[in-house]
Amino acid sequence: MKNNRMIVTVVALLAIFAFSVVMVVAGQPVAAVTALIPSVALGVQQIVQAGTGVAEGRRERTAAQVPDREEEPRG
């Protein structure tokens, strides 16, 4: 499972790099390319998480233990 995730991540990063090179060659300013990188990287991260299911950080968390308390009588 980790190998598949690594492969998808590397391919996605290569795609971002290729996309950036194509934009610069097409005449877009470098500032425009660098402005798009964070949003594209976030999209790649979401695709990787969607492909692998539940995020790793969420698997480790357990429900918070709340001690039971007796209800106090009202009135």
C-alpha atoms as a PDB file:
ATOM      1  CA  MET A   1       0.000   0.000   0.000  1.00  0.00           C
ATOM      2  CA  LYS A   2       2.840   2.413   0.817  1.00  0.00           C
ATOM      3  CA  ASN A   3       4.527   1.622  -2.512  1.00  0.00           C
ATOM      4  CA  ASN A   4       1.382   2.540  -4.434  1.00  0.00           C
ATOM      5  CA  ARG A   5       1.074   5.776  -2.492  1.00  0.00           C
ATOM      6  CA  MET A   6       4.727   6.599  -3.153  1.00  0.00           C
ATOM      7  CA  ILE A   7       4.326   5.903  -6.869  1.00  0.00           C
ATOM      8  CA  VAL A   8       1.229   8.105  -7.120  1.00  0.00           C
ATOM      9  CA  THR A   9       2.968  10.886  -5.208  1.00  0.00           C
ATOM     10  CA  VAL A  10       6.088  10.783  -7.395  1.00  0.00           C
ATOM     11  CA  VAL A  11       4.033  10.719 -10.604  1.00  0.00           C
ATOM     12  CA  ALA A  12       1.927  13.631  -9.383  1.00  0.00           C
ATOM     13  CA  LEU A  13       5.009  15.672  -8.473  1.00  0.00           C
ATOM     14  CA  LEU A  14       6.526  14.961 -11.881  1.00  0.00           C
ATOM     15  CA  ALA A  15       3.278  16.072 -13.496  1.00  0.00           C
ATOM     16  CA  ILE A  16       3.381  19.330 -11.531  1.00  0.00           C
ATOM     17  CA  PHE A  17       6.966  19.907 -12.628  1.00  0.00           C
ATOM     18  CA  ALA A  18       6.112  19.179 -16.274  1.00  0.00           C
ATOM     19  CA  PHE A  19       3.067  21.449 -16.089  1.00  0.00           C
ATOM     20  CA  SER A  20       5.229  24.249 -14.687  1.00  0.00           C
ATOM     21  CA  VAL A  21       7.812  23.842 -17.450  1.00  0.00           C
ATOM     22  CA  VAL A  22       5.107  23.902 -20.131  1.00  0.00           C
ATOM     23  CA  MET A  23       3.602  27.081 -18.668  1.00  0.00           C
ATOM     24  CA  VAL A  24       6.985  28.845 -18.614  1.00  0.00           C
ATOM     25  CA  VAL A  25       7.753  27.745 -22.192  1.00  0.00           C
ATOM     26  CA  ALA A  26       4.295  28.951 -23.263  1.00  0.00           C
ATOM     27  CA  GLY A  27       5.185  32.423 -22.026  1.00  0.00           C
ATOM     28  CA  GLN A  28       3.529  32.575 -18.641  1.00  0.00           C
ATOM     29  CA  PRO A  29       5.460  34.539 -16.054  1.00  0.00           C
ATOM     30  CA  VAL A  30       7.237  32.546 -13.365  1.00  0.00           C
ATOM     31  CA  ALA A  31       5.147  34.324 -10.706  1.00  0.00           C
ATOM     32  CA  ALA A  32       1.979  32.866 -12.219  1.00  0.00           C
ATOM     33  CA  VAL A  33       3.459  29.376 -12.168  1.00  0.00           C
ATOM     34  CA  THR A  34       4.619  29.646  -8.564  1.00  0.00           C
ATOM     35  CA  ALA A  35       1.200  30.946  -7.519  1.00  0.00           C
ATOM     36  CA  LEU A  36      -0.442  27.768  -8.846  1.00  0.00           C
ATOM     37  CA  ILE A  37       1.929  25.288  -7.214  1.00  0.00           C
ATOM     38  CA  PRO A  38       0.327  25.255  -3.717  1.00  0.00           C
ATOM     39  CA  SER A  39      -3.176  24.689  -5.054  1.00  0.00           C
ATOM     40  CA  VAL A  40      -2.059  21.922  -7.404  1.00  0.00           C
ATOM     41  CA  ALA A  41      -0.061  20.288  -4.601  1.00  0.00           C
ATOM     42  CA  LEU A  42      -3.126  20.374  -2.359  1.00  0.00           C
ATOM     43  CA  GLY A  43      -5.141  18.696  -5.101  1.00  0.00           C
ATOM     44  CA  VAL A  44      -2.506  15.989  -5.427  1.00  0.00           C
ATOM     45  CA  GLN A  45      -2.558  15.428  -1.670  1.00  0.00           C
ATOM     46  CA  GLN A  46      -6.336  15.053  -1.706  1.00  0.00           C
ATOM     47  CA  ILE A  47      -6.193  12.606  -4.607  1.00  0.00           C
ATOM     48  CA  VAL A  48      -3.596  10.496  -2.800  1.00  0.00           C
ATOM     49  CA  GLN A  49      -5.672  10.461   0.397  1.00  0.00           C
ATOM     50  CA  ALA A  50      -8.828   9.581  -1.518  1.00  0.00           C
ATOM     51  CA  GLY A  51      -7.030   6.725  -3.229  1.00  0.00           C
ATOM     52  CA  THR A  52      -5.672   5.263  -0.023  1.00  0.00           C
ATOM     53  CA  GLY A  53      -8.799   5.611   2.099  1.00  0.00           C
ATOM     54  CA  VAL A  54      -8.655   6.957   5.622  1.00  0.00           C
ATOM     55  CA  ALA A  55      -5.745   9.266   6.377  1.00  0.00           C
ATOM     56  CA  GLU A  56      -2.997   7.676   8.459  1.00  0.00           C
ATOM     57  CA  GLY A  57      -3.239  10.255  11.224  1.00  0.00           C
ATOM     58  CA  ARG A  58      -6.915   9.532  11.711  1.00  0.00           C
ATOM     59  CA  ARG A  59      -6.379   5.788  12.098  1.00  0.00           C
ATOM     60  CA  GLU A  60      -4.231   6.254  15.172  1.00  0.00           C
ATOM     61  CA  ARG A  61      -6.665   8.473  17.021  1.00  0.00           C
ATOM     62  CA  THR A  62      -9.180   6.944  19.338  1.00  0.00           C
ATOM     63  CA  ALA A  63     -12.291   8.433  20.791  1.00  0.00           C
ATOM     64  CA  ALA A  64     -11.670  10.596  23.807  1.00  0.00           C
ATOM     65  CA  GLN A  65     -12.444   8.834  27.043  1.00  0.00           C
ATOM     66  CA  VAL A  66     -15.030  10.810  28.952  1.00  0.00           C
ATOM     67  CA  PRO A  67     -15.662   9.554  32.466  1.00  0.00           C
ATOM     68  CA  ASP A  68     -19.256   8.749  33.268  1.00  0.00           C
ATOM     69  CA  ARG A  69     -20.835  10.957  35.849  1.00  0.00           C
ATOM     70  CA  GLU A  70     -24.071  10.542  37.621  1.00  0.00           C
ATOM     71  CA  GLU A  71     -26.804  13.002  36.878  1.00  0.00           C
ATOM     72  CA  GLU A  72     -27.528  15.346  39.739  1.00  0.00           C
ATOM     73  CA  PRO A  73     -31.200  15.621  40.654  1.00  0.00           C
ATOM     74  CA  ARG A  74     -32.773  18.839  39.491  1.00  0.00           C
ATOM     75  CA  GLY A  75     -35.028  21.012  41.560  1.00  0.00           C
END
